Protein backbone atom coordinates (compact mmCIF):
# COMPACT_ATOMS: atom_id res chain seq x y z
CA MET A 1 0.00 0.00 0.00
CA CYS A 2 1.24 3.49 -0.78
CA VAL A 3 0.31 7.01 0.33
CA THR A 4 1.22 10.48 -0.86
CA VAL A 5 4.15 12.34 0.66
CA ASP A 6 1.73 14.65 2.48
CA GLU A 7 -0.27 11.71 3.85
CA ALA A 8 2.92 9.98 5.02
CA ALA A 9 4.03 13.14 6.83
CA GLU A 10 0.63 13.37 8.49
CA LEU A 11 0.81 9.72 9.61
CA LEU A 12 4.20 10.34 11.24
CA LEU A 13 3.13 13.70 12.69
CA ILE A 14 5.99 15.50 10.95
CA GLY A 15 6.18 18.25 8.37
CA ARG A 16 6.41 17.77 4.62
CA SER A 17 10.01 19.03 4.50
CA LYS A 18 11.11 16.50 7.14
CA MET A 19 9.31 13.77 5.17
CA CYS A 20 11.17 14.85 2.02
CA ALA A 21 14.45 14.70 3.96
CA LEU A 22 13.67 11.11 5.04
CA ILE A 23 12.95 10.23 1.42
CA ALA A 24 16.16 11.91 0.21
CA ASP A 25 18.38 10.06 2.68
CA GLY A 26 16.76 6.71 1.85
CA SER A 27 15.04 6.18 5.20
CA VAL A 28 11.72 5.49 3.50
CA GLU A 29 10.97 3.78 0.19
CA THR A 30 9.07 5.54 -2.56
CA ILE A 31 7.73 4.64 -5.96
CA LYS A 32 6.89 6.88 -8.90
CA LEU A 33 3.45 6.63 -10.49
CA GLY A 34 3.66 8.88 -13.50
CA LYS A 35 4.64 12.27 -12.08
CA SER A 36 3.44 11.36 -8.56
CA THR A 37 5.66 10.11 -5.77
CA ARG A 38 4.12 7.61 -3.38
CA VAL A 39 5.56 6.43 -0.07
CA VAL A 40 5.43 2.71 0.68
CA VAL A 41 3.56 2.29 3.99
CA LEU A 42 5.65 -0.75 4.97
CA SER A 43 8.75 1.45 4.88
CA LEU A 44 7.06 3.83 7.35
CA ASP A 45 6.41 0.87 9.67
CA LEU A 46 10.04 -0.20 9.39
CA LEU A 47 11.24 3.34 10.09
CA LEU A 48 9.17 3.46 13.25
CA ALA A 49 10.40 0.03 14.34
CA ARG A 50 14.06 1.04 13.81
CA ASN A 51 13.62 4.23 15.80
CA SER A 52 11.49 2.87 18.64
CA GLY A 53 14.26 0.92 20.34
């Protein structure tokens, strides 16, 4: 399942620019659908798991 960058930021309770920084440094996985960038929800779960311990 994928969400938009804005939706991903909202799920993590962070701003769009911080979400873009996480994408840029490879912390979360994205896919391109045409001109749209979508964030893979599983990668958000993994990010949270890595940072919760």
